[in-house]
Amino acid sequence: MKKRGMLTMVLASAMAVSTLAAVPASADETAASSLDIYGGLTPMEDADDPITYTIFVRDPGVAPSEDNPVIKKIQELTGVTLKFEYLVGDLDQKLGVMIAGGDYPDAIFAGDAATKLMDAGAFIPLEDEIPKYENLNAMYSQVTDYLTQEDGHMYNMEIYGTMKNDVTKNPPVFECGIGFYIQKAVLAEAGYPEIHTVDEYFKIIEDYMAKYPEIDGIKTTGFEILADGWRNWALLNPVQNLLGAGNDGAIFVDQDTFETSFFQISDDAYDFYKKLNEEYHSGVVDPDTFTQDYDQYIAKLTTGTVLGFYDQNWNFGSAMNLLKADGKYDRTYVALPITNPGVKDGYLDQSNGIPTGTNGIGITINCENPDRLLRFFDWMLQREVQDYLQWGEEGTDWVYNEDGTGRLLTDERRAINYDTALKRDQTGFPLWNYCPKWTGLYTEDDMPCGPDESADEYMAAQSDYDQSFLESYGIKYPAEMFSDPIIRPAYYPVWAMSLEDGSAAAVASTKITDVTMKFYPRLILASDEAEYDSIWEDFLSEFNAIDLDAYQTEIDRQIELKMGK
């Protein structure tokens, strides 16, 4: 890929919220500074005064190359360098050390663990700051109530999801983001069946394994279960989906009555883990599944020998991209609408425009110049900058479609996006991912904010194999396998609710996770039915010994509170 030169964005129209203004086209001024014009971008006023901010993110990762051309361009235009510190080891332990010593970086993205930092007073309040910045205010002003914590302060700038504002609206839903995934080759071998139950799902996996005990000379693995650290949802969460719920959390919420109950100890849970126990003994469930870490899990998926697993699609995207880069499209995965018999699936979310209140970036009390960081985030929300970060440069990275109504990535740029290292080192993704961002479709002209939200790009990116696969099911997008997307209630999801650190509810929440993580692997590995039942009884006894009422009462209170906003 040739090195990026000047940004040559051509926009259909200017966004109303954009603070963008062209620099006067004086020859003397142009000669005086190389920062005058980059496709219409105006440098920040103090771009010649370099500053570095350190941002901790809860995800493991690798820092982008210092030669990343997009990041270097942004640094030139703003004077701001973001130094990302990625998680190594256990998140709770890392945050505990930060809190104990008061040793915070300038900003932190901790996901739902941000509540610990809020309780510790690690973040500065933002409710009086956000209105000072035009683009940040456009993004967050209409959802301030949902971002405001019970102490009356707003600490987080949500960085994922399409929020209620006048700038963007919901994009189409192309694929399911969570659930039981299966290799496309397995479905093709079975004649493209419609699969709806756990028994049907494992039956076609068993049949494929019997016929193909090896793939490319490597032993075939039927089903993986990732249980590493905070990525333990693959072990803990499937039952709620089998009951028709979405990705809610550690409690089941009836969507009609909003009554809560614990799915972990239901008969449905007993049956599901019993099924996994049977599949373990039949050789379908990988014996090493509970000892592998995340990197080993991803490495195994990239071999193309794993037939199925339960996960969230963003979590294994790097493996999918490597399979595509290797041309192994038949070894990529698609989610299926698996539920208990007779239950309508509820996997697909249509954004309700409401942020979680915790899944964002907060500026810490140790940040010496929060104003400039906020001005940087505000500058980054200009539509032209967002296009640069996600789409790149016209001609080099993207072109308009035939009728000029949308963009398509070039083959070269699309290939870069499939390569995790190249995407990190040659595009604006690292900055875009951990900063406030526009997602969805721009309301003014229906243009997608990024390639992942573009119907044109989605279809153009499909391989011949994928197109044939979808045609075999008579659908345009994989999401069409599922029931229509659901606009979730205002409380959703439970996992994002804030629990006061050290409270009875917080202690109970931790114990719920600890106990289920202790017993679920033992259930799956039980030697026979008698041992399974014995372990299940021990599990029920230990689970019910938790102060479940403290947790449930607090969740019920917060559901009622959020539904009343």
Protein backbone atom coordinates (compact mmCIF):
# COMPACT_ATOMS: atom_id res chain seq x y z
CA MET A 1 0.00 0.00 0.00
CA LYS A 2 1.40 3.39 -0.93
CA LYS A 3 2.08 5.85 1.85
CA ARG A 4 -0.86 8.18 2.47
CA GLY A 5 -0.40 11.71 1.30
CA MET A 6 -2.85 14.57 1.72
CA LEU A 7 -6.39 13.72 2.69
CA THR A 8 -8.76 14.25 -0.24
CA MET A 9 -12.20 13.79 1.26
CA VAL A 10 -15.14 14.74 -0.95
CA LEU A 11 -18.31 15.07 1.12
CA ALA A 12 -21.86 15.13 -0.15
CA SER A 13 -22.63 17.88 2.35
CA ALA A 14 -21.27 19.38 5.55
CA MET A 15 -22.59 18.17 8.87
CA ALA A 16 -24.49 20.72 10.90
CA VAL A 17 -22.56 19.78 14.02
CA SER A 18 -19.15 20.04 12.41
CA THR A 19 -16.90 22.87 13.55
CA LEU A 20 -14.87 22.37 10.39
CA ALA A 21 -13.82 25.44 8.41
CA ALA A 22 -11.52 25.75 5.43
CA VAL A 23 -8.26 27.57 5.93
CA PRO A 24 -7.94 30.72 3.76
CA ALA A 25 -6.24 29.75 0.54
CA SER A 26 -3.45 32.28 0.73
CA ALA A 27 -0.33 31.23 -1.13
CA ASP A 28 1.83 32.77 1.58
CA GLU A 29 -0.06 30.96 4.32
CA THR A 30 0.08 27.69 2.41
CA ALA A 31 3.81 28.01 2.02
CA ALA A 32 4.18 28.96 5.68
CA SER A 33 2.76 25.77 7.14
CA SER A 34 2.30 22.20 6.04
CA LEU A 35 -0.71 22.01 8.37
CA ASP A 36 -2.91 24.52 6.57
CA ILE A 37 -5.17 22.19 4.65
CA TYR A 38 -5.63 18.44 4.66
CA GLY A 39 -8.75 17.88 2.62
CA GLY A 40 -10.39 20.80 4.41
CA LEU A 41 -9.29 19.90 7.93
CA THR A 42 -8.35 22.79 10.16
CA PRO A 43 -5.60 22.09 12.69
CA MET A 44 -6.33 22.61 16.37
CA GLU A 45 -5.21 26.03 17.53
CA ASP A 46 -2.39 24.64 19.66
CA ALA A 47 -1.27 21.94 17.24
CA ASP A 48 2.29 23.29 17.49
CA ASP A 49 2.35 22.56 21.23
CA PRO A 50 2.73 18.77 21.54
CA ILE A 51 1.09 16.92 24.42
CA THR A 52 0.79 13.21 25.22
CA TYR A 53 -2.09 11.54 27.06
CA THR A 54 -1.92 8.02 28.42
CA ILE A 55 -5.14 6.01 28.16
CA PHE A 56 -5.60 2.62 29.80
CA VAL A 57 -7.99 0.23 28.05
CA ARG A 58 -9.39 -2.95 29.54
CA ASP A 59 -8.49 -5.02 26.44
CA PRO A 60 -5.24 -6.84 25.76
CA GLY A 61 -3.58 -5.42 22.68
CA VAL A 62 -0.51 -4.19 20.86
CA ALA A 63 0.31 -0.52 20.39
CA PRO A 64 0.05 0.72 16.79
CA SER A 65 3.23 1.37 14.87
CA GLU A 66 4.84 4.77 15.39
CA ASP A 67 4.80 5.03 11.60
CA ASN A 68 1.01 4.62 11.36
CA PRO A 69 0.31 7.28 8.69
CA VAL A 70 -3.19 8.17 9.88
CA ILE A 71 -2.18 8.57 13.52
CA LYS A 72 0.84 10.63 12.50
CA LYS A 73 -1.43 12.91 10.46
CA ILE A 74 -3.77 13.36 13.40
CA GLN A 75 -0.81 14.13 15.64
CA GLU A 76 0.34 16.80 13.17
CA LEU A 77 -3.08 18.38 13.00
CA THR A 78 -3.74 18.37 16.74
CA GLY A 79 -0.42 18.17 18.58
CA VAL A 80 -2.03 15.38 20.60
CA THR A 81 -0.55 11.92 21.00
CA LEU A 82 -2.63 9.20 22.64
CA LYS A 83 -0.49 6.53 24.26
CA PHE A 84 -2.62 3.44 24.83
CA GLU A 85 -1.77 1.17 27.74
CA TYR A 86 -3.34 -2.24 27.11
CA LEU A 87 -4.37 -4.73 29.77
CA VAL A 88 -1.86 -7.35 30.83
CA GLY A 89 -3.18 -9.90 33.31
CA ASP A 90 -6.37 -9.60 35.36
CA LEU A 91 -8.52 -6.47 34.97
CA ASP A 92 -9.85 -6.37 38.52
CA GLN A 93 -6.34 -6.72 39.91
CA LYS A 94 -5.06 -3.96 37.64
CA LEU A 95 -7.83 -1.57 38.64
CA GLY A 96 -7.36 -2.49 42.30
CA VAL A 97 -3.70 -1.49 42.15
CA MET A 98 -4.62 1.79 40.45
CA ILE A 99 -7.25 2.60 43.06
CA ALA A 100 -5.09 1.63 46.03
CA GLY A 101 -2.24 3.86 44.92
CA GLY A 102 -4.29 6.58 43.24
CA ASP A 103 -1.94 6.08 40.29
CA TYR A 104 -4.23 6.75 37.36
CA PRO A 105 -3.38 7.47 33.72
CA ASP A 106 -4.99 10.49 32.04
CA ALA A 107 -8.03 8.53 30.89
CA ILE A 108 -9.44 5.03 31.27
CA PHE A 109 -11.77 2.76 29.33
CA ALA A 110 -12.70 -0.04 31.74
CA GLY A 111 -16.02 -1.23 30.32
CA ASP A 112 -18.55 -2.19 32.98
CA ALA A 113 -15.72 -2.29 35.54
CA ALA A 114 -15.74 1.52 35.38
CA THR A 115 -18.12 1.52 38.34
CA LYS A 116 -15.20 0.60 40.61
CA LEU A 117 -13.35 3.69 39.44
CA MET A 118 -16.41 5.88 39.84
CA ASP A 119 -16.88 4.69 43.41
CA ALA A 120 -13.21 5.39 44.11
CA GLY A 121 -13.48 8.98 42.84
CA ALA A 122 -11.04 8.34 39.99
CA PHE A 123 -12.91 10.32 37.32
CA ILE A 124 -13.65 14.02 36.99
CA PRO A 125 -17.33 14.97 36.54
CA LEU A 126 -18.21 15.86 32.95
CA GLU A 127 -21.78 17.16 33.15
CA ASP A 128 -20.62 20.80 33.19
CA GLU A 129 -17.80 20.21 30.71
CA ILE A 130 -19.53 18.45 27.80
CA PRO A 131 -21.84 21.40 26.95
CA LYS A 132 -18.74 23.52 26.25
CA TYR A 133 -17.82 21.43 23.21
CA GLU A 134 -20.12 21.55 20.20
CA ASN A 135 -19.64 18.06 18.82
CA LEU A 136 -19.42 16.30 22.17
CA ASN A 137 -22.57 18.13 23.23
CA ALA A 138 -24.33 17.03 20.03
CA MET A 139 -23.43 13.43 20.82
CA TYR A 140 -24.24 13.28 24.54
CA SER A 141 -26.68 16.08 25.43
CA GLN A 142 -29.81 14.05 24.61
CA VAL A 143 -28.70 11.10 26.74
CA THR A 144 -27.30 12.95 29.74
CA ASP A 145 -29.90 11.41 32.07
CA TYR A 146 -28.70 7.92 31.21
CA LEU A 147 -25.03 8.83 31.61
CA THR A 148 -25.62 10.48 34.99
CA GLN A 149 -24.84 8.27 37.95
CA GLU A 150 -26.84 8.25 41.14
CA ASP A 151 -24.52 10.76 42.78
CA GLY A 152 -25.66 13.26 40.15
CA HIS A 153 -22.47 13.25 38.12
CA MET A 154 -21.59 12.08 34.61
CA TYR A 155 -18.19 10.41 34.42
CA ASN A 156 -18.15 8.44 31.16
CA MET A 157 -18.35 9.34 27.50
CA GLU A 158 -19.92 6.26 25.91
CA ILE A 159 -17.84 5.06 22.97
CA TYR A 160 -19.93 2.23 21.52
CA GLY A 161 -23.44 2.05 20.12
CA THR A 162 -25.69 4.48 18.29
CA MET A 163 -27.00 7.02 20.79
CA LYS A 164 -30.04 9.26 20.71
CA ASN A 165 -28.99 12.44 18.95
CA ASP A 166 -29.84 14.46 15.86
CA VAL A 167 -26.74 13.45 13.93
CA THR A 168 -26.96 9.70 13.44
CA LYS A 169 -29.58 6.96 13.38
CA ASN A 170 -29.58 3.18 13.54
CA PRO A 171 -27.76 1.25 10.82
CA PRO A 172 -29.10 -1.97 9.27
CA VAL A 173 -28.45 -5.19 11.17
CA PHE A 174 -26.39 -7.44 8.91
CA GLU A 175 -25.19 -10.11 11.32
CA CYS A 176 -25.99 -11.43 14.78
CA GLY A 177 -23.52 -10.19 17.37
CA ILE A 178 -23.79 -13.01 19.90
CA GLY A 179 -24.75 -16.65 20.08
CA PHE A 180 -23.97 -20.15 18.89
CA TYR A 181 -21.64 -19.95 15.90
CA ILE A 182 -21.02 -22.73 13.44
CA GLN A 183 -18.65 -23.21 10.55
CA LYS A 184 -20.32 -22.59 7.21
CA ALA A 185 -18.83 -25.80 5.82
CA VAL A 186 -20.82 -27.79 8.38
CA LEU A 187 -24.10 -26.24 7.23
CA ALA A 188 -23.18 -26.77 3.59
CA GLU A 189 -22.35 -30.43 4.22
CA ALA A 190 -25.74 -30.88 5.91
CA GLY A 191 -27.59 -29.33 2.96
CA TYR A 192 -28.15 -25.86 4.48
CA PRO A 193 -30.66 -26.91 7.14
CA GLU A 194 -32.53 -24.57 9.46
CA ILE A 195 -31.15 -25.18 12.95
CA HIS A 196 -33.06 -23.95 15.99
CA THR A 197 -32.30 -26.19 18.98
CA VAL A 198 -29.24 -27.27 20.90
CA ASP A 199 -29.82 -30.89 19.93
CA GLU A 200 -30.00 -30.03 16.21
CA TYR A 201 -26.90 -27.87 16.52
CA PHE A 202 -24.75 -30.58 18.06
CA LYS A 203 -26.15 -33.28 15.78
CA ILE A 204 -24.79 -31.68 12.61
CA ILE A 205 -21.46 -31.03 14.36
CA GLU A 206 -21.27 -34.69 15.39
CA ASP A 207 -22.10 -35.82 11.86
CA TYR A 208 -19.44 -33.59 10.34
CA MET A 209 -16.80 -34.74 12.83
CA ALA A 210 -17.59 -38.37 12.04
CA LYS A 211 -17.07 -37.72 8.33
CA TYR A 212 -14.11 -35.36 8.70
CA PRO A 213 -12.07 -36.29 11.80
CA GLU A 214 -9.29 -34.09 10.42
CA ILE A 215 -9.25 -30.79 8.53
CA ASP A 216 -6.08 -29.94 6.61
CA GLY A 217 -4.25 -32.63 8.56
CA ILE A 218 -5.28 -31.28 11.98
CA LYS A 219 -7.71 -33.01 14.34
CA THR A 220 -11.21 -31.58 14.09
CA THR A 221 -12.57 -29.85 17.20
CA GLY A 222 -16.32 -29.90 17.64
CA PHE A 223 -17.04 -27.19 20.20
CA GLU A 224 -14.93 -24.69 22.11
CA ILE A 225 -15.86 -22.88 25.34
CA LEU A 226 -13.81 -19.79 26.17
CA ALA A 227 -13.75 -19.18 29.94
CA ASP A 228 -10.72 -16.92 30.25
CA GLY A 229 -10.96 -13.97 32.65
CA TRP A 230 -13.67 -11.41 31.98
CA ARG A 231 -14.43 -13.17 28.69
CA ASN A 232 -16.36 -15.84 30.56
CA TRP A 233 -19.71 -15.24 28.88
CA ALA A 234 -19.26 -18.28 26.65
CA LEU A 235 -19.56 -20.44 29.75
CA LEU A 236 -22.02 -18.38 31.80
CA ASN A 237 -24.51 -16.77 29.42
CA PRO A 238 -25.94 -19.23 26.85
CA VAL A 239 -28.96 -20.27 28.91
CA GLN A 240 -30.45 -16.77 28.93
CA ASN A 241 -30.34 -16.81 25.11
CA LEU A 242 -31.95 -20.23 25.03
CA LEU A 243 -34.79 -18.67 27.04
CA GLY A 244 -35.24 -15.99 24.38
CA ALA A 245 -33.40 -13.16 26.15
CA GLY A 246 -30.70 -10.92 24.73
CA ASN A 247 -27.29 -10.20 26.20
CA ASP A 248 -28.60 -8.98 29.55
CA GLY A 249 -26.36 -10.14 32.37
CA ALA A 250 -26.35 -12.36 35.43
CA ILE A 251 -30.12 -12.35 35.81
CA PHE A 252 -33.09 -13.12 33.56
CA VAL A 253 -35.54 -10.27 32.99
CA ASP A 254 -39.04 -11.05 31.72
CA GLN A 255 -39.54 -8.55 28.90
CA ASP A 256 -43.29 -8.25 29.54
CA THR A 257 -43.37 -7.94 33.33
CA PHE A 258 -39.71 -7.01 34.03
CA GLU A 259 -39.68 -9.58 36.80
CA THR A 260 -36.23 -11.02 37.46
CA SER A 261 -35.06 -14.56 38.17
CA PHE A 262 -31.82 -16.53 38.21
CA PHE A 263 -31.45 -18.59 35.03
CA GLN A 264 -28.24 -20.12 36.36
CA ILE A 265 -30.14 -22.54 38.63
CA SER A 266 -33.10 -23.23 36.37
CA ASP A 267 -34.05 -26.59 34.93
CA ASP A 268 -33.00 -25.12 31.58
CA ALA A 269 -29.48 -24.63 32.92
CA TYR A 270 -29.43 -28.18 34.28
CA ASP A 271 -30.39 -29.51 30.84
CA PHE A 272 -27.94 -27.34 28.91
CA TYR A 273 -24.86 -28.21 30.94
CA LYS A 274 -25.94 -31.83 30.95
CA LYS A 275 -25.92 -31.65 27.17
CA LEU A 276 -22.42 -30.17 27.23
CA ASN A 277 -21.40 -32.99 29.56
CA GLU A 278 -22.68 -35.53 27.05
CA GLU A 279 -20.88 -33.76 24.20
CA TYR A 280 -17.67 -33.70 26.24
CA HIS A 281 -17.80 -37.44 26.70
CA SER A 282 -18.57 -37.97 23.02
CA GLY A 283 -15.44 -36.01 22.09
CA VAL A 284 -17.22 -32.95 20.68
CA VAL A 285 -16.31 -30.49 23.45
CA ASP A 286 -12.57 -29.82 23.46
CA PRO A 287 -10.93 -31.35 26.58
CA ASP A 288 -8.52 -28.39 26.78
CA THR A 289 -11.25 -25.79 26.60
CA PHE A 290 -11.08 -24.70 30.26
CA THR A 291 -7.30 -24.42 30.42
CA GLN A 292 -6.65 -22.32 27.32
CA ASP A 293 -6.34 -18.55 27.41
CA TYR A 294 -7.82 -16.10 24.93
CA ASP A 295 -4.82 -16.06 22.59
CA GLN A 296 -4.79 -19.85 22.40
CA TYR A 297 -8.52 -19.84 21.68
CA ILE A 298 -8.11 -17.38 18.80
CA ALA A 299 -5.14 -19.33 17.46
CA LYS A 300 -7.22 -22.50 17.42
CA LEU A 301 -10.07 -20.78 15.55
CA THR A 302 -7.67 -19.53 12.90
CA THR A 303 -6.70 -23.10 12.00
CA GLY A 304 -10.18 -23.61 10.56
CA THR A 305 -10.59 -26.86 12.49
CA VAL A 306 -13.10 -25.67 15.13
CA LEU A 307 -16.69 -26.35 14.08
CA GLY A 308 -18.64 -24.44 16.71
CA PHE A 309 -18.59 -22.21 19.78
CA TYR A 310 -20.65 -19.63 21.66
CA ASP A 311 -19.22 -16.09 21.59
CA GLN A 312 -19.67 -12.45 20.64
CA ASN A 313 -18.59 -11.62 17.11
CA TRP A 314 -16.28 -8.71 17.98
CA ASN A 315 -14.36 -11.04 20.27
CA PHE A 316 -13.20 -13.43 17.53
CA GLY A 317 -13.11 -11.01 14.59
CA SER A 318 -9.34 -11.33 14.26
CA ALA A 319 -9.68 -15.08 13.67
CA MET A 320 -12.39 -14.52 11.06
CA ASN A 321 -10.23 -12.00 9.27
CA LEU A 322 -7.27 -14.38 9.12
CA LEU A 323 -9.47 -17.15 7.72
CA LYS A 324 -10.71 -14.75 5.04
CA ALA A 325 -7.19 -13.59 4.28
CA ASP A 326 -6.25 -17.25 3.74
CA GLY A 327 -9.23 -17.72 1.43
CA LYS A 328 -10.86 -20.18 3.85
CA TYR A 329 -14.32 -18.69 3.54
CA ASP A 330 -15.98 -22.06 4.08
CA ARG A 331 -14.22 -22.21 7.46
CA THR A 332 -15.65 -18.88 8.65
CA TYR A 333 -18.61 -18.79 10.99
CA VAL A 334 -22.23 -17.78 11.13
CA ALA A 335 -24.51 -17.54 14.18
CA LEU A 336 -27.70 -19.57 14.42
CA PRO A 337 -31.00 -18.76 16.20
CA ILE A 338 -30.62 -21.48 18.84
CA THR A 339 -33.24 -21.54 21.60
CA ASN A 340 -35.15 -24.04 23.68
CA PRO A 341 -37.93 -25.75 21.70
CA GLY A 342 -40.88 -23.44 21.13
CA VAL A 343 -39.04 -20.29 22.29
CA LYS A 344 -38.74 -17.30 19.95
CA ASP A 345 -35.16 -16.17 19.57
CA GLY A 346 -34.18 -12.75 20.92
CA TYR A 347 -30.57 -12.43 19.83
CA LEU A 348 -30.76 -9.37 17.58
CA ASP A 349 -30.63 -5.91 19.11
CA GLN A 350 -31.91 -2.79 17.42
CA SER A 351 -30.35 0.06 19.34
CA ASN A 352 -32.74 1.96 21.57
CA GLY A 353 -30.38 4.92 21.45
CA ILE A 354 -29.71 4.70 25.19
CA PRO A 355 -26.12 4.35 26.47
CA THR A 356 -25.23 1.95 29.26
CA GLY A 357 -23.70 4.69 31.38
CA THR A 358 -20.49 2.76 32.01
CA ASN A 359 -19.18 1.52 28.67
CA GLY A 360 -17.17 4.61 27.88
CA ILE A 361 -14.02 6.57 28.48
CA GLY A 362 -13.50 8.65 31.61
CA ILE A 363 -10.93 11.37 32.30
CA THR A 364 -9.15 10.86 35.60
CA ILE A 365 -8.36 13.27 38.41
CA ASN A 366 -4.67 12.90 37.51
CA CYS A 367 -5.12 14.41 34.03
CA GLU A 368 -3.32 17.78 34.09
CA ASN A 369 -5.05 19.27 31.05
CA PRO A 370 -8.54 17.74 30.66
CA ASP A 371 -9.74 20.68 28.58
CA ARG A 372 -7.32 19.95 25.78
CA LEU A 373 -8.19 16.26 25.82
CA LEU A 374 -11.88 17.13 25.56
CA ARG A 375 -11.12 19.59 22.75
CA PHE A 376 -9.24 16.79 21.00
CA PHE A 377 -12.20 14.42 21.32
CA ASP A 378 -14.46 17.20 20.06
CA TRP A 379 -12.19 17.81 17.07
CA MET A 380 -12.15 14.10 16.31
CA LEU A 381 -15.96 14.10 16.03
CA GLN A 382 -15.90 16.27 12.94
CA ARG A 383 -17.43 14.24 10.15
CA GLU A 384 -14.41 14.69 7.94
CA VAL A 385 -12.11 13.35 10.65
CA GLN A 386 -14.43 10.41 11.32
CA ASP A 387 -14.42 9.58 7.60
CA TYR A 388 -10.65 9.76 7.53
CA LEU A 389 -10.32 7.41 10.50
CA GLN A 390 -12.79 4.82 9.20
CA TRP A 391 -12.71 5.11 5.43
CA GLY A 392 -9.29 6.60 4.70
CA GLU A 393 -8.53 8.61 1.57
CA GLU A 394 -10.67 8.75 -1.54
CA GLY A 395 -9.09 6.89 -4.42
CA THR A 396 -6.54 5.12 -2.25
CA ASP A 397 -8.83 3.56 0.32
CA TRP A 398 -12.35 4.08 -1.00
CA VAL A 399 -14.36 5.11 -4.06
CA TYR A 400 -17.95 6.15 -4.59
CA ASN A 401 -20.36 3.51 -5.87
CA GLU A 402 -21.78 3.79 -9.38
CA ASP A 403 -24.63 6.15 -8.52
CA GLY A 404 -22.58 8.20 -6.05
CA THR A 405 -24.84 7.43 -3.09
CA GLY A 406 -22.34 5.42 -1.06
CA ARG A 407 -18.72 4.43 -0.60
CA LEU A 408 -16.92 1.20 -1.31
CA LEU A 409 -13.52 0.25 0.04
CA THR A 410 -10.87 -0.54 -2.51
CA ASP A 411 -9.73 -4.15 -2.67
CA GLU A 412 -6.40 -3.08 -1.22
CA ARG A 413 -7.96 -1.35 1.78
CA ARG A 414 -10.43 -4.19 2.34
CA ALA A 415 -7.51 -6.61 2.53
CA ILE A 416 -5.84 -4.38 5.10
CA ASN A 417 -8.99 -4.39 7.21
CA TYR A 418 -8.91 -8.19 7.23
CA ASP A 419 -5.36 -8.18 8.63
CA THR A 420 -5.36 -7.28 12.34
CA ALA A 421 -1.75 -6.07 12.35
CA LEU A 422 -2.07 -4.02 9.17
CA LYS A 423 -5.35 -2.49 10.30
CA ARG A 424 -3.68 -1.51 13.57
CA ASP A 425 -0.54 -0.12 11.93
CA GLN A 426 -1.86 1.50 8.75
CA THR A 427 -5.35 2.83 9.49
CA GLY A 428 -7.10 5.09 11.99
CA PHE A 429 -8.81 2.18 13.74
CA PRO A 430 -6.81 2.34 17.02
CA LEU A 431 -7.81 5.98 17.53
CA TRP A 432 -11.39 5.50 16.38
CA ASN A 433 -11.95 2.45 18.55
CA TYR A 434 -11.21 4.05 21.91
CA CYS A 435 -12.49 7.58 21.39
CA PRO A 436 -15.99 9.07 21.20
CA LYS A 437 -17.26 8.29 17.71
CA TRP A 438 -20.25 8.55 15.42
CA THR A 439 -21.84 5.20 14.60
CA GLY A 440 -24.81 4.34 12.43
CA LEU A 441 -26.05 6.41 9.50
CA TYR A 442 -25.76 10.18 9.25
CA THR A 443 -29.28 11.58 9.37
CA GLU A 444 -28.61 14.28 6.80
CA ASP A 445 -27.84 12.04 3.85
CA ASP A 446 -28.09 8.41 5.09
CA MET A 447 -24.38 7.86 4.46
CA PRO A 448 -22.91 5.20 6.78
CA CYS A 449 -20.44 6.41 9.38
CA GLY A 450 -18.14 3.50 8.62
CA PRO A 451 -17.71 0.47 6.37
CA ASP A 452 -19.26 -1.89 8.95
CA GLU A 453 -22.56 0.01 8.66
CA SER A 454 -22.66 0.22 4.87
CA ALA A 455 -24.99 -2.11 2.99
CA ASP A 456 -23.05 -1.42 -0.21
CA GLU A 457 -19.75 -2.31 1.40
CA TYR A 458 -21.19 -5.36 3.16
CA MET A 459 -22.36 -6.84 -0.13
CA ALA A 460 -19.21 -5.86 -2.02
CA ALA A 461 -17.03 -7.50 0.63
CA GLN A 462 -18.75 -10.88 0.34
CA SER A 463 -16.67 -13.55 -1.34
CA ASP A 464 -18.16 -15.70 -4.08
CA TYR A 465 -18.44 -18.45 -1.50
CA ASP A 466 -20.33 -16.25 0.95
CA GLN A 467 -22.72 -15.02 -1.73
CA SER A 468 -23.45 -18.61 -2.73
CA PHE A 469 -23.90 -19.55 0.93
CA LEU A 470 -26.46 -16.80 1.51
CA GLU A 471 -28.25 -17.62 -1.74
CA SER A 472 -28.55 -21.23 -0.56
CA TYR A 473 -30.53 -19.94 2.40
CA GLY A 474 -32.46 -17.47 0.27
CA ILE A 475 -31.28 -14.48 2.30
CA LYS A 476 -29.28 -11.32 1.72
CA TYR A 477 -27.77 -10.97 5.20
CA PRO A 478 -27.02 -13.61 7.88
CA ALA A 479 -29.23 -11.68 10.31
CA GLU A 480 -32.24 -12.78 8.28
CA MET A 481 -31.87 -16.23 9.86
CA PHE A 482 -33.13 -14.66 13.10
CA SER A 483 -36.31 -13.01 14.29
CA ASP A 484 -36.52 -9.25 13.74
CA PRO A 485 -34.18 -7.06 15.81
CA ILE A 486 -35.61 -5.98 19.15
CA ILE A 487 -35.62 -2.42 20.46
CA ARG A 488 -34.63 -3.05 24.05
CA PRO A 489 -36.27 -1.45 27.11
CA ALA A 490 -34.59 1.56 28.69
CA TYR A 491 -33.02 -0.46 31.53
CA TYR A 492 -31.13 -2.80 29.18
CA PRO A 493 -28.63 -4.35 29.80
CA VAL A 494 -28.29 -5.45 33.41
CA TRP A 495 -24.54 -6.09 33.06
CA ALA A 496 -23.95 -2.34 32.68
CA MET A 497 -25.72 -1.39 35.91
CA SER A 498 -23.56 0.22 38.56
CA LEU A 499 -23.24 -1.57 41.89
CA GLU A 500 -21.63 0.30 44.76
CA ASP A 501 -18.28 -1.27 45.49
CA GLY A 502 -18.43 -3.27 48.70
CA SER A 503 -22.21 -3.21 48.87
CA ALA A 504 -24.18 -6.38 49.58
CA ALA A 505 -25.39 -6.35 45.97
CA ALA A 506 -21.85 -6.02 44.60
CA VAL A 507 -20.56 -8.80 46.85
CA ALA A 508 -23.42 -11.03 45.78
CA SER A 509 -22.77 -10.25 42.11
CA THR A 510 -19.14 -11.32 42.46
CA LYS A 511 -20.14 -14.51 44.26
CA ILE A 512 -22.68 -15.37 41.56
CA THR A 513 -19.89 -15.29 38.99
CA ASP A 514 -17.41 -17.09 41.22
CA VAL A 515 -19.79 -19.91 42.10
CA THR A 516 -20.96 -20.51 38.55
CA MET A 517 -17.37 -20.42 37.29
CA LYS A 518 -16.50 -22.97 39.95
CA PHE A 519 -19.28 -25.44 39.21
CA TYR A 520 -20.08 -25.19 35.49
CA PRO A 521 -16.76 -26.72 34.35
CA ARG A 522 -17.17 -29.47 36.94
CA LEU A 523 -20.64 -30.23 35.61
CA ILE A 524 -19.37 -30.46 32.05
CA LEU A 525 -16.50 -32.74 33.09
CA ALA A 526 -18.56 -34.96 35.43
CA SER A 527 -17.81 -38.64 34.85
CA ASP A 528 -21.39 -39.89 34.78
CA GLU A 529 -24.99 -38.91 35.48
CA ALA A 530 -24.76 -39.68 39.18
CA GLU A 531 -21.73 -37.42 39.62
CA TYR A 532 -23.40 -34.73 37.52
CA ASP A 533 -26.47 -34.75 39.78
CA SER A 534 -24.32 -34.67 42.88
CA ILE A 535 -22.36 -31.68 41.61
CA TRP A 536 -25.59 -29.96 40.60
CA GLU A 537 -26.97 -30.33 44.12
CA ASP A 538 -23.75 -28.90 45.56
CA PHE A 539 -24.01 -26.04 43.06
CA LEU A 540 -27.59 -25.25 44.06
CA SER A 541 -26.66 -25.31 47.72
CA GLU A 542 -23.70 -22.94 47.29
CA PHE A 543 -25.50 -20.65 44.84
CA ASN A 544 -28.55 -20.30 47.08
CA ALA A 545 -26.30 -19.51 50.04
CA ILE A 546 -25.40 -16.24 48.28
CA ASP A 547 -27.34 -13.16 49.37
CA LEU A 548 -29.32 -13.32 46.14
CA ASP A 549 -32.02 -11.06 47.52
CA ALA A 550 -29.54 -8.19 47.93
CA TYR A 551 -28.51 -8.43 44.29
CA GLN A 552 -32.00 -9.01 42.93
CA THR A 553 -33.52 -6.15 44.95
CA GLU A 554 -30.89 -3.72 43.68
CA ILE A 555 -31.34 -4.81 40.06
CA ASP A 556 -35.12 -4.52 40.40
CA ARG A 557 -34.68 -1.01 41.83
CA GLN A 558 -32.43 0.09 38.97
CA ILE A 559 -34.74 -1.41 36.35
CA GLU A 560 -37.64 0.56 37.81
CA LEU A 561 -35.50 3.70 37.98
CA LYS A 562 -34.29 3.47 34.38
CA MET A 563 -37.72 2.58 33.03
CA GLY A 564 -39.05 5.74 34.66
CA LYS A 565 -36.57 8.11 32.98
